[in-house]
PDB file of N, CA and C in Angstrom:
ATOM      1  N   UNK A   1      10.457 -15.258  -1.520  1.00  0.00           N
ATOM      2  CA  UNK A   1      10.298 -13.917  -1.000  1.00  0.00           C
ATOM      3  C   UNK A   1      10.934 -13.803   0.368  1.00  0.00           C
ATOM      4  N   UNK A   2      11.500 -12.654   0.600  1.00  0.00           N
ATOM      5  CA  UNK A   2      12.208 -12.426   1.847  1.00  0.00           C
ATOM      6  C   UNK A   2      11.252 -12.149   2.990  1.00  0.00           C
ATOM      7  N   UNK A   3      11.607 -12.650   4.156  1.00  0.00           N
ATOM      8  CA  UNK A   3      10.831 -12.351   5.348  1.00  0.00           C
ATOM      9  C   UNK A   3      11.111 -10.938   5.820  1.00  0.00           C
ATOM     10  N   UNK A   4      12.136 -10.305   5.279  1.00  0.00           N
ATOM     11  CA  UNK A   4      12.511  -8.961   5.693  1.00  0.00           C
ATOM     12  C   UNK A   4      12.023  -7.899   4.714  1.00  0.00           C
ATOM     13  N   UNK A   5      10.877  -8.122   4.113  1.00  0.00           N
ATOM     14  CA  UNK A   5      10.328  -7.143   3.187  1.00  0.00           C
ATOM     15  C   UNK A   5       9.992  -5.852   3.927  1.00  0.00           C
ATOM     16  N   UNK A   6      10.184  -4.720   3.253  1.00  0.00           N
ATOM     17  CA  UNK A   6       9.799  -3.432   3.819  1.00  0.00           C
ATOM     18  C   UNK A   6       8.273  -3.313   3.782  1.00  0.00           C
ATOM     19  N   UNK A   7       7.771  -2.275   4.430  1.00  0.00           N
ATOM     20  CA  UNK A   7       6.327  -2.022   4.408  1.00  0.00           C
ATOM     21  C   UNK A   7       5.828  -1.908   2.971  1.00  0.00           C
ATOM     22  N   UNK A   8       6.528  -1.086   2.183  1.00  0.00           N
ATOM     23  CA  UNK A   8       6.114  -0.887   0.789  1.00  0.00           C
ATOM     24  C   UNK A   8       6.137  -2.175  -0.006  1.00  0.00           C
ATOM     25  N   UNK A   9       7.164  -3.002   0.218  1.00  0.00           N
ATOM     26  CA  UNK A   9       7.251  -4.275  -0.505  1.00  0.00           C
ATOM     27  C   UNK A   9       6.100  -5.205  -0.118  1.00  0.00           C
ATOM     28  N   UNK A  10       5.748  -5.238   1.157  1.00  0.00           N
ATOM     29  CA  UNK A  10       4.617  -6.081   1.581  1.00  0.00           C
ATOM     30  C   UNK A  10       3.323  -5.613   0.938  1.00  0.00           C
ATOM     31  N   UNK A  11       3.112  -4.305   0.913  1.00  0.00           N
ATOM     32  CA  UNK A  11       1.903  -3.766   0.296  1.00  0.00           C
ATOM     33  C   UNK A  11       1.865  -4.093  -1.195  1.00  0.00           C
ATOM     34  N   UNK A  12       3.003  -3.957  -1.875  1.00  0.00           N
ATOM     35  CA  UNK A  12       3.070  -4.274  -3.302  1.00  0.00           C
ATOM     36  C   UNK A  12       2.887  -5.769  -3.553  1.00  0.00           C
ATOM     37  N   UNK A  13       3.476  -6.609  -2.712  1.00  0.00           N
ATOM     38  CA  UNK A  13       3.303  -8.059  -2.849  1.00  0.00           C
ATOM     39  C   UNK A  13       1.827  -8.422  -2.696  1.00  0.00           C
ATOM     40  N   UNK A  14       1.184  -7.865  -1.687  1.00  0.00           N
ATOM     41  CA  UNK A  14      -0.237  -8.133  -1.475  1.00  0.00           C
ATOM     42  C   UNK A  14      -1.045  -7.723  -2.704  1.00  0.00           C
ATOM     43  N   UNK A  15      -0.794  -6.516  -3.212  1.00  0.00           N
ATOM     44  CA  UNK A  15      -1.595  -6.032  -4.337  1.00  0.00           C
ATOM     45  C   UNK A  15      -1.335  -6.823  -5.614  1.00  0.00           C
ATOM     46  N   UNK A  16      -0.135  -7.370  -5.772  1.00  0.00           N
ATOM     47  CA  UNK A  16       0.119  -8.185  -6.965  1.00  0.00           C
ATOM     48  C   UNK A  16      -0.597  -9.535  -6.861  1.00  0.00           C
ATOM     49  N   UNK A  17      -0.777 -10.030  -5.635  1.00  0.00           N
ATOM     50  CA  UNK A  17      -1.474 -11.305  -5.446  1.00  0.00           C
ATOM     51  C   UNK A  17      -2.998 -11.135  -5.449  1.00  0.00           C
ATOM     52  N   UNK A  18      -3.466  -9.920  -5.220  1.00  0.00           N
ATOM     53  CA  UNK A  18      -4.907  -9.627  -5.204  1.00  0.00           C
ATOM     54  C   UNK A  18      -5.189  -8.457  -6.146  1.00  0.00           C
ATOM     55  N   UNK A  19      -5.068  -8.713  -7.478  1.00  0.00           N
ATOM     56  CA  UNK A  19      -5.204  -7.624  -8.451  1.00  0.00           C
ATOM     57  C   UNK A  19      -6.621  -7.047  -8.536  1.00  0.00           C
ATOM     58  N   UNK A  20      -7.575  -7.677  -7.871  1.00  0.00           N
ATOM     59  CA  UNK A  20      -8.935  -7.154  -7.853  1.00  0.00           C
ATOM     60  C   UNK A  20      -9.101  -6.055  -6.806  1.00  0.00           C
ATOM     61  N   UNK A  21      -7.998  -5.744  -6.105  1.00  0.00           N
ATOM     62  CA  UNK A  21      -8.026  -4.714  -5.071  1.00  0.00           C
ATOM     63  C   UNK A  21      -7.027  -3.603  -5.377  1.00  0.00           C
ATOM     64  N   UNK A  22      -7.354  -2.429  -4.875  1.00  0.00           N
ATOM     65  CA  UNK A  22      -6.463  -1.272  -4.904  1.00  0.00           C
ATOM     66  C   UNK A  22      -6.227  -0.896  -3.445  1.00  0.00           C
ATOM     67  N   UNK A  23      -4.991  -0.595  -3.094  1.00  0.00           N
ATOM     68  CA  UNK A  23      -4.684  -0.147  -1.741  1.00  0.00           C
ATOM     69  C   UNK A  23      -4.422   1.356  -1.775  1.00  0.00           C
ATOM     70  N   UNK A  24      -5.061   2.076  -0.871  1.00  0.00           N
ATOM     71  CA  UNK A  24      -4.833   3.505  -0.723  1.00  0.00           C
ATOM     72  C   UNK A  24      -4.218   3.704   0.655  1.00  0.00           C
ATOM     73  N   UNK A  25      -2.962   4.135   0.675  1.00  0.00           N
ATOM     74  CA  UNK A  25      -2.186   4.219   1.913  1.00  0.00           C
ATOM     75  C   UNK A  25      -1.949   5.683   2.264  1.00  0.00           C
ATOM     76  N   UNK A  26      -2.377   6.065   3.457  1.00  0.00           N
ATOM     77  CA  UNK A  26      -2.103   7.407   3.970  1.00  0.00           C
ATOM     78  C   UNK A  26      -0.911   7.265   4.904  1.00  0.00           C
ATOM     79  N   UNK A  27       0.104   8.115   4.695  1.00  0.00           N
ATOM     80  CA  UNK A  27       1.323   7.989   5.474  1.00  0.00           C
ATOM     81  C   UNK A  27       1.980   9.333   5.688  1.00  0.00           C
ATOM     82  N   UNK A  28       2.987   9.298   6.565  1.00  0.00           N
ATOM     83  CA  UNK A  28       3.774  10.490   6.837  1.00  0.00           C
ATOM     84  C   UNK A  28       5.243  10.122   6.714  1.00  0.00           C
ATOM     85  N   UNK A  29       5.990  10.944   5.946  1.00  0.00           N
ATOM     86  CA  UNK A  29       7.430  10.734   5.785  1.00  0.00           C
ATOM     87  C   UNK A  29       8.118  12.046   6.153  1.00  0.00           C
ATOM     88  N   UNK A  30       8.957  11.985   7.157  1.00  0.00           N
ATOM     89  CA  UNK A  30       9.715  13.165   7.587  1.00  0.00           C
ATOM     90  C   UNK A  30       8.812  14.377   7.793  1.00  0.00           C
ATOM     91  N   UNK A  31       7.667  14.165   8.429  1.00  0.00           N
ATOM     92  CA  UNK A  31       6.758  15.261   8.745  1.00  0.00           C
ATOM     93  C   UNK A  31       5.857  15.688   7.603  1.00  0.00           C
ATOM     94  N   UNK A  32       5.956  15.039   6.442  1.00  0.00           N
ATOM     95  CA  UNK A  32       5.107  15.387   5.302  1.00  0.00           C
ATOM     96  C   UNK A  32       4.085  14.291   5.050  1.00  0.00           C
ATOM     97  N   UNK A  33       2.837  14.697   4.857  1.00  0.00           N
ATOM     98  CA  UNK A  33       1.751  13.774   4.588  1.00  0.00           C
ATOM     99  C   UNK A  33       1.798  13.350   3.117  1.00  0.00           C
ATOM    100  N   UNK A  34       1.457  12.100   2.851  1.00  0.00           N
ATOM    101  CA  UNK A  34       1.401  11.605   1.473  1.00  0.00           C
ATOM    102  C   UNK A  34       0.307  10.555   1.380  1.00  0.00           C
ATOM    103  N   UNK A  35      -0.208  10.368   0.188  1.00  0.00           N
ATOM    104  CA  UNK A  35      -1.138   9.280  -0.106  1.00  0.00           C
ATOM    105  C   UNK A  35      -0.548   8.506  -1.267  1.00  0.00           C
ATOM    106  N   UNK A  36      -0.516   7.178  -1.108  1.00  0.00           N
ATOM    107  CA  UNK A  36       0.059   6.315  -2.131  1.00  0.00           C
ATOM    108  C   UNK A  36      -0.983   5.290  -2.544  1.00  0.00           C
ATOM    109  N   UNK A  37      -1.163   5.153  -3.845  1.00  0.00           N
ATOM    110  CA  UNK A  37      -2.065   4.143  -4.379  1.00  0.00           C
ATOM    111  C   UNK A  37      -1.219   2.982  -4.876  1.00  0.00           C
ATOM    112  N   UNK A  38      -1.636   1.763  -4.532  1.00  0.00           N
ATOM    113  CA  UNK A  38      -0.897   0.569  -4.941  1.00  0.00           C
ATOM    114  C   UNK A  38      -1.860  -0.350  -5.669  1.00  0.00           C
ATOM    115  N   UNK A  39      -1.481  -0.729  -6.893  1.00  0.00           N
ATOM    116  CA  UNK A  39      -2.338  -1.572  -7.733  1.00  0.00           C
ATOM    117  C   UNK A  39      -1.449  -2.504  -8.539  1.00  0.00           C
ATOM    118  N   UNK A  40      -1.762  -3.791  -8.489  1.00  0.00           N
ATOM    119  CA  UNK A  40      -1.030  -4.818  -9.239  1.00  0.00           C
ATOM    120  C   UNK A  40       0.477  -4.746  -8.999  1.00  0.00           C
ATOM    121  N   UNK A  41       0.856  -4.474  -7.744  1.00  0.00           N
ATOM    122  CA  UNK A  41       2.263  -4.499  -7.385  1.00  0.00           C
ATOM    123  C   UNK A  41       3.029  -3.221  -7.633  1.00  0.00           C
ATOM    124  N   UNK A  42       2.349  -2.164  -8.080  1.00  0.00           N
ATOM    125  CA  UNK A  42       3.028  -0.902  -8.363  1.00  0.00           C
ATOM    126  C   UNK A  42       2.473   0.203  -7.486  1.00  0.00           C
ATOM    127  N   UNK A  43       3.375   1.022  -6.947  1.00  0.00           N
ATOM    128  CA  UNK A  43       3.005   2.134  -6.076  1.00  0.00           C
ATOM    129  C   UNK A  43       3.157   3.452  -6.811  1.00  0.00           C
ATOM    130  N   UNK A  44       2.247   4.381  -6.506  1.00  0.00           N
ATOM    131  CA  UNK A  44       2.331   5.713  -7.080  1.00  0.00           C
ATOM    132  C   UNK A  44       1.815   6.713  -6.055  1.00  0.00           C
ATOM    133  N   UNK A  45       2.595   7.762  -5.834  1.00  0.00           N
ATOM    134  CA  UNK A  45       2.165   8.803  -4.913  1.00  0.00           C
ATOM    135  C   UNK A  45       1.100   9.655  -5.586  1.00  0.00           C
ATOM    136  N   UNK A  46       0.079  10.022  -4.825  1.00  0.00           N
ATOM    137  CA  UNK A  46      -0.970  10.893  -5.350  1.00  0.00           C
ATOM    138  C   UNK A  46      -0.669  12.361  -5.053  1.00  0.00           C
ATOM    139  N   UNK A  47       0.370  12.614  -4.254  1.00  0.00           N
ATOM    140  CA  UNK A  47       0.625  13.980  -3.807  1.00  0.00           C
ATOM    141  C   UNK A  47       2.000  14.513  -4.203  1.00  0.00           C
ATOM    142  N   UNK A  48       2.892  13.655  -4.631  1.00  0.00           N
ATOM    143  CA  UNK A  48       4.234  14.095  -5.030  1.00  0.00           C
ATOM    144  C   UNK A  48       4.662  13.266  -6.236  1.00  0.00           C
ATOM    145  N   UNK A  49       5.741  13.684  -6.863  1.00  0.00           N
ATOM    146  CA  UNK A  49       6.191  12.952  -8.046  1.00  0.00           C
ATOM    147  C   UNK A  49       6.718  11.574  -7.640  1.00  0.00           C
ATOM    148  N   UNK A  50       6.536  10.625  -8.538  1.00  0.00           N
ATOM    149  CA  UNK A  50       6.987   9.259  -8.318  1.00  0.00           C
ATOM    150  C   UNK A  50       8.163   9.004  -9.262  1.00  0.00           C
ATOM    151  N   UNK A  51       9.235   8.431  -8.731  1.00  0.00           N
ATOM    152  CA  UNK A  51      10.422   8.160  -9.547  1.00  0.00           C
ATOM    153  C   UNK A  51      10.090   7.192 -10.682  1.00  0.00           C
ATOM    154  N   UNK A  52      10.743   7.371 -11.828  1.00  0.00           N
ATOM    155  CA  UNK A  52      10.540   6.473 -12.963  1.00  0.00           C
ATOM    156  C   UNK A  52      11.167   5.108 -12.706  1.00  0.00           C
ATOM    157  N   UNK A  53      12.188   5.087 -11.854  1.00  0.00           N
ATOM    158  CA  UNK A  53      12.908   3.854 -11.545  1.00  0.00           C
ATOM    159  C   UNK A  53      12.089   3.023 -10.558  1.00  0.00           C
ATOM    160  N   UNK A  54      11.621   1.827 -10.965  1.00  0.00           N
ATOM    161  CA  UNK A  54      10.805   1.011 -10.064  1.00  0.00           C
ATOM    162  C   UNK A  54      11.569   0.495  -8.840  1.00  0.00           C
ATOM    163  N   UNK A  55      12.905   0.599  -8.860  1.00  0.00           N
ATOM    164  CA  UNK A  55      13.698   0.170  -7.706  1.00  0.00           C
ATOM    165  C   UNK A  55      13.748   1.228  -6.600  1.00  0.00           C
ATOM    166  N   UNK A  56      13.285   2.443  -6.909  1.00  0.00           N
ATOM    167  CA  UNK A  56      13.228   3.500  -5.900  1.00  0.00           C
ATOM    168  C   UNK A  56      11.888   3.375  -5.181  1.00  0.00           C
ATOM    169  N   UNK A  57      11.902   3.033  -3.891  1.00  0.00           N
ATOM    170  CA  UNK A  57      10.635   2.806  -3.195  1.00  0.00           C
ATOM    171  C   UNK A  57       9.829   4.098  -3.028  1.00  0.00           C
ATOM    172  N   UNK A  58       8.531   3.997  -3.274  1.00  0.00           N
ATOM    173  CA  UNK A  58       7.627   5.125  -3.074  1.00  0.00           C
ATOM    174  C   UNK A  58       7.374   5.302  -1.578  1.00  0.00           C
ATOM    175  N   UNK A  59       7.280   4.173  -0.863  1.00  0.00           N
ATOM    176  CA  UNK A  59       7.097   4.202   0.590  1.00  0.00           C
ATOM    177  C   UNK A  59       8.450   3.869   1.213  1.00  0.00           C
ATOM    178  N   UNK A  60       9.083   4.896   1.768  1.00  0.00           N
ATOM    179  CA  UNK A  60      10.414   4.680   2.335  1.00  0.00           C
ATOM    180  C   UNK A  60      10.311   3.954   3.674  1.00  0.00           C
ATOM    181  N   UNK A  61      11.449   3.436   4.115  1.00  0.00           N
ATOM    182  CA  UNK A  61      11.504   2.747   5.404  1.00  0.00           C
ATOM    183  C   UNK A  61      11.240   3.702   6.562  1.00  0.00           C
ATOM    184  N   UNK A  62      11.374   4.997   6.321  1.00  0.00           N
ATOM    185  CA  UNK A  62      11.113   6.000   7.366  1.00  0.00           C
ATOM    186  C   UNK A  62       9.633   6.356   7.457  1.00  0.00           C
ATOM    187  N   UNK A  63       8.833   5.860   6.535  1.00  0.00           N
ATOM    188  CA  UNK A  63       7.410   6.225   6.501  1.00  0.00           C
ATOM    189  C   UNK A  63       6.661   5.644   7.689  1.00  0.00           C
ATOM    190  N   UNK A  64       5.758   6.468   8.217  1.00  0.00           N
ATOM    191  CA  UNK A  64       4.837   5.993   9.242  1.00  0.00           C
ATOM    192  C   UNK A  64       3.471   5.861   8.580  1.00  0.00           C
ATOM    193  N   UNK A  65       3.007   4.623   8.469  1.00  0.00           N
ATOM    194  CA  UNK A  65       1.715   4.391   7.835  1.00  0.00           C
ATOM    195  C   UNK A  65       0.614   4.760   8.817  1.00  0.00           C
ATOM    196  N   UNK A  66      -0.278   5.641   8.371  1.00  0.00           N
ATOM    197  CA  UNK A  66      -1.376   6.104   9.212  1.00  0.00           C
ATOM    198  C   UNK A  66      -2.572   5.174   9.034  1.00  0.00           C
ATOM    199  N   UNK A  67      -3.027   5.009   7.790  1.00  0.00           N
ATOM    200  CA  UNK A  67      -4.136   4.089   7.507  1.00  0.00           C
ATOM    201  C   UNK A  67      -3.952   3.452   6.142  1.00  0.00           C
ATOM    202  N   UNK A  68      -4.597   2.303   5.978  1.00  0.00           N
ATOM    203  CA  UNK A  68      -4.627   1.592   4.702  1.00  0.00           C
ATOM    204  C   UNK A  68      -6.093   1.301   4.397  1.00  0.00           C
ATOM    205  N   UNK A  69      -6.525   1.686   3.201  1.00  0.00           N
ATOM    206  CA  UNK A  69      -7.875   1.363   2.735  1.00  0.00           C
ATOM    207  C   UNK A  69      -7.758   0.346   1.615  1.00  0.00           C
ATOM    208  N   UNK A  70      -8.619  -0.665   1.671  1.00  0.00           N
ATOM    209  CA  UNK A  70      -8.705  -1.649   0.583  1.00  0.00           C
ATOM    210  C   UNK A  70      -9.935  -1.299  -0.240  1.00  0.00           C
ATOM    211  N   UNK A  71      -9.734  -1.135  -1.550  1.00  0.00           N
ATOM    212  CA  UNK A  71     -10.825  -0.784  -2.447  1.00  0.00           C
ATOM    213  C   UNK A  71     -10.929  -1.793  -3.572  1.00  0.00           C
ATOM    214  N   UNK A  72     -12.114  -1.892  -4.121  1.00  0.00           N
ATOM    215  CA  UNK A  72     -12.342  -2.782  -5.258  1.00  0.00           C
ATOM    216  C   UNK A  72     -11.776  -2.124  -6.516  1.00  0.00           C
ATOM    217  N   UNK A  73     -11.070  -2.915  -7.311  1.00  0.00           N
ATOM    218  CA  UNK A  73     -10.564  -2.432  -8.602  1.00  0.00           C
ATOM    219  C   UNK A  73     -11.634  -2.683  -9.656  1.00  0.00           C
ATOM    220  N   UNK A  74     -11.732  -1.872 -10.677  1.00  0.00           N
ATOM    221  CA  UNK A  74     -10.941  -0.670 -10.910  1.00  0.00           C
ATOM    222  C   UNK A  74     -11.373   0.464  -9.972  1.00  0.00           C
ATOM    223  N   UNK A  75     -10.397   1.293  -9.621  1.00  0.00           N
ATOM    224  CA  UNK A  75     -10.645   2.419  -8.719  1.00  0.00           C
ATOM    225  C   UNK A  75     -11.381   3.516  -9.456  1.00  0.00           C
ATOM    226  N   UNK A  76     -12.485   3.942  -8.879  1.00  0.00           N
ATOM    227  CA  UNK A  76     -13.266   5.049  -9.441  1.00  0.00           C
ATOM    228  C   UNK A  76     -13.267   6.169  -8.407  1.00  0.00           C
ATOM    229  N   UNK A  77     -12.460   7.223  -8.627  1.00  0.00           N
ATOM    230  CA  UNK A  77     -12.342   8.283  -7.628  1.00  0.00           C
ATOM    231  C   UNK A  77     -13.673   8.903  -7.211  1.00  0.00           C
ATOM    232  N   UNK A  78     -14.615   8.982  -8.143  1.00  0.00           N
ATOM    233  CA  UNK A  78     -15.916   9.590  -7.823  1.00  0.00           C
ATOM    234  C   UNK A  78     -16.872   8.616  -7.148  1.00  0.00           C
ATOM    235  N   UNK A  79     -16.613   7.319  -7.289  1.00  0.00           N
ATOM    236  CA  UNK A  79     -17.469   6.300  -6.684  1.00  0.00           C
ATOM    237  C   UNK A  79     -16.614   5.141  -6.171  1.00  0.00           C
ATOM    238  N   UNK A  80     -15.764   5.390  -5.177  1.00  0.00           N
ATOM    239  CA  UNK A  80     -14.920   4.293  -4.683  1.00  0.00           C
ATOM    240  C   UNK A  80     -15.749   3.234  -3.959  1.00  0.00           C
ATOM    241  N   UNK A  81     -15.367   1.984  -4.163  1.00  0.00           N
ATOM    242  CA  UNK A  81     -16.018   0.873  -3.468  1.00  0.00           C
ATOM    243  C   UNK A  81     -15.031   0.338  -2.435  1.00  0.00           C
ATOM    244  N   UNK A  82     -15.281   0.682  -1.175  1.00  0.00           N
ATOM    245  CA  UNK A  82     -14.381   0.272  -0.096  1.00  0.00           C
ATOM    246  C   UNK A  82     -14.686  -1.146   0.354  1.00  0.00           C
ATOM    247  N   UNK A  83     -13.629  -1.958   0.477  1.00  0.00           N
ATOM    248  CA  UNK A  83     -13.739  -3.291   1.054  1.00  0.00           C
ATOM    249  C   UNK A  83     -13.428  -3.217   2.543  1.00  0.00           C
ATOM    250  N   UNK A  84     -12.505  -2.321   2.889  1.00  0.00           N
ATOM    251  CA  UNK A  84     -12.116  -2.123   4.281  1.00  0.00           C
ATOM    252  C   UNK A  84     -11.451  -0.749   4.372  1.00  0.00           C
ATOM    253  N   UNK A  85     -11.826   0.026   5.393  1.00  0.00           N
ATOM    254  CA  UNK A  85     -11.282   1.370   5.544  1.00  0.00           C
ATOM    255  C   UNK A  85     -10.557   1.516   6.874  1.00  0.00           C
ATOM    256  N   UNK A  86      -9.507   2.328   6.868  1.00  0.00           N
ATOM    257  CA  UNK A  86      -8.848   2.721   8.094  1.00  0.00           C
ATOM    258  C   UNK A  86      -8.052   1.644   8.804  1.00  0.00           C
ATOM    259  N   UNK A  87      -7.545   0.667   8.053  1.00  0.00           N
ATOM    260  CA  UNK A  87      -6.721  -0.374   8.680  1.00  0.00           C
ATOM    261  C   UNK A  87      -5.420   0.233   9.187  1.00  0.00           C
ATOM    262  N   UNK A  88      -4.955  -0.246  10.326  1.00  0.00           N
ATOM    263  CA  UNK A  88      -3.638   0.144  10.815  1.00  0.00           C
ATOM    264  C   UNK A  88      -2.608  -0.783  10.175  1.00  0.00           C
ATOM    265  N   UNK A  89      -1.332  -0.408  10.293  1.00  0.00           N
ATOM    266  CA  UNK A  89      -0.268  -1.268   9.774  1.00  0.00           C
ATOM    267  C   UNK A  89      -0.302  -2.626  10.480  1.00  0.00           C
ATOM    268  N   UNK A  90      -0.559  -2.636  11.775  1.00  0.00           N
ATOM    269  CA  UNK A  90      -0.625  -3.891  12.538  1.00  0.00           C
ATOM    270  C   UNK A  90      -1.759  -4.779  12.024  1.00  0.00           C
ATOM    271  N   UNK A  91      -2.916  -4.188  11.752  1.00  0.00           N
ATOM    272  CA  UNK A  91      -4.043  -4.962  11.212  1.00  0.00           C
ATOM    273  C   UNK A  91      -3.707  -5.502   9.826  1.00  0.00           C
ATOM    274  N   UNK A  92      -3.073  -4.673   8.993  1.00  0.00           N
ATOM    275  CA  UNK A  92      -2.709  -5.137   7.656  1.00  0.00           C
ATOM    276  C   UNK A  92      -1.731  -6.294   7.739  1.00  0.00           C
ATOM    277  N   UNK A  93      -0.720  -6.170   8.622  1.00  0.00           N
ATOM    278  CA  UNK A  93       0.270  -7.248   8.746  1.00  0.00           C
ATOM    279  C   UNK A  93      -0.392  -8.565   9.144  1.00  0.00           C
ATOM    280  N   UNK A  94      -1.344  -8.510  10.060  1.00  0.00           N
ATOM    281  CA  UNK A  94      -2.037  -9.728  10.485  1.00  0.00           C
ATOM    282  C   UNK A  94      -2.797 -10.343   9.313  1.00  0.00           C
ATOM    283  N   UNK A  95      -3.474  -9.504   8.527  1.00  0.00           N
ATOM    284  CA  UNK A  95      -4.208  -9.998   7.355  1.00  0.00           C
ATOM    285  C   UNK A  95      -3.218 -10.554   6.320  1.00  0.00           C
ATOM    286  N   UNK A  96      -2.127  -9.833   6.098  1.00  0.00           N
ATOM    287  CA  UNK A  96      -1.099 -10.246   5.141  1.00  0.00           C
ATOM    288  C   UNK A  96      -0.568 -11.629   5.507  1.00  0.00           C
ATOM    289  N   UNK A  97      -0.236 -11.807   6.769  1.00  0.00           N
ATOM    290  CA  UNK A  97       0.306 -13.103   7.211  1.00  0.00           C
ATOM    291  C   UNK A  97      -0.699 -14.231   7.021  1.00  0.00           C
ATOM    292  N   UNK A  98      -1.980 -13.963   7.263  1.00  0.00           N
ATOM    293  CA  UNK A  98      -2.981 -15.008   7.103  1.00  0.00           C
ATOM    294  C   UNK A  98      -3.268 -15.298   5.622  1.00  0.00           C
ATOM    295  N   UNK A  99      -3.176 -14.267   4.763  1.00  0.00           N
ATOM    296  CA  UNK A  99      -3.512 -14.452   3.341  1.00  0.00           C
ATOM    297  C   UNK A  99      -2.304 -14.824   2.487  1.00  0.00           C
ATOM    298  N   UNK A 100      -1.141 -14.270   2.799  1.00  0.00           N
ATOM    299  CA  UNK A 100       0.069 -14.522   2.006  1.00  0.00           C
ATOM    300  C   UNK A 100       0.901 -15.608   2.651  1.00  0.00           C
ATOM    301  N   UNK A 101       0.824 -15.698   3.981  1.00  0.00           N
ATOM    302  CA  UNK A 101       1.539 -16.761   4.679  1.00  0.00           C
ATOM    303  C   UNK A 101       2.962 -16.435   5.041  1.00  0.00           C
ATOM    304  N   UNK A 102       3.278 -15.142   5.165  1.00  0.00           N
ATOM    305  CA  UNK A 102       4.633 -14.735   5.551  1.00  0.00           C
ATOM    306  C   UNK A 102       4.568 -13.722   6.663  1.00  0.00           C
ATOM    307  N   UNK A 103       5.597 -13.717   7.477  1.00  0.00           N
ATOM    308  CA  UNK A 103       5.664 -12.722   8.559  1.00  0.00           C
ATOM    309  C   UNK A 103       6.151 -11.402   8.022  1.00  0.00           C
TER     310      UNK A 103
END
């Protein structure tokens, strides 16, 4: 794996290694708010259409991540089980490096 992974790639890598978790990412891209759910290495926008091509990133390099929530899988919208709420990108990166072992 590359040390130069994008934000979206790091989030997807984490979720593929921890399939018992769902990541809910609140972000802003070009002034527009979006929420992206990531499960088992796949990202899907909850607010806009998601490309069918898996090579098209859902979280662009221009995205500013506002918060990341870690939830227990399977995700139940009416009864979510939060493992951690409101993580910043910096906090996630620190956890990622300690759990995955990459910068």
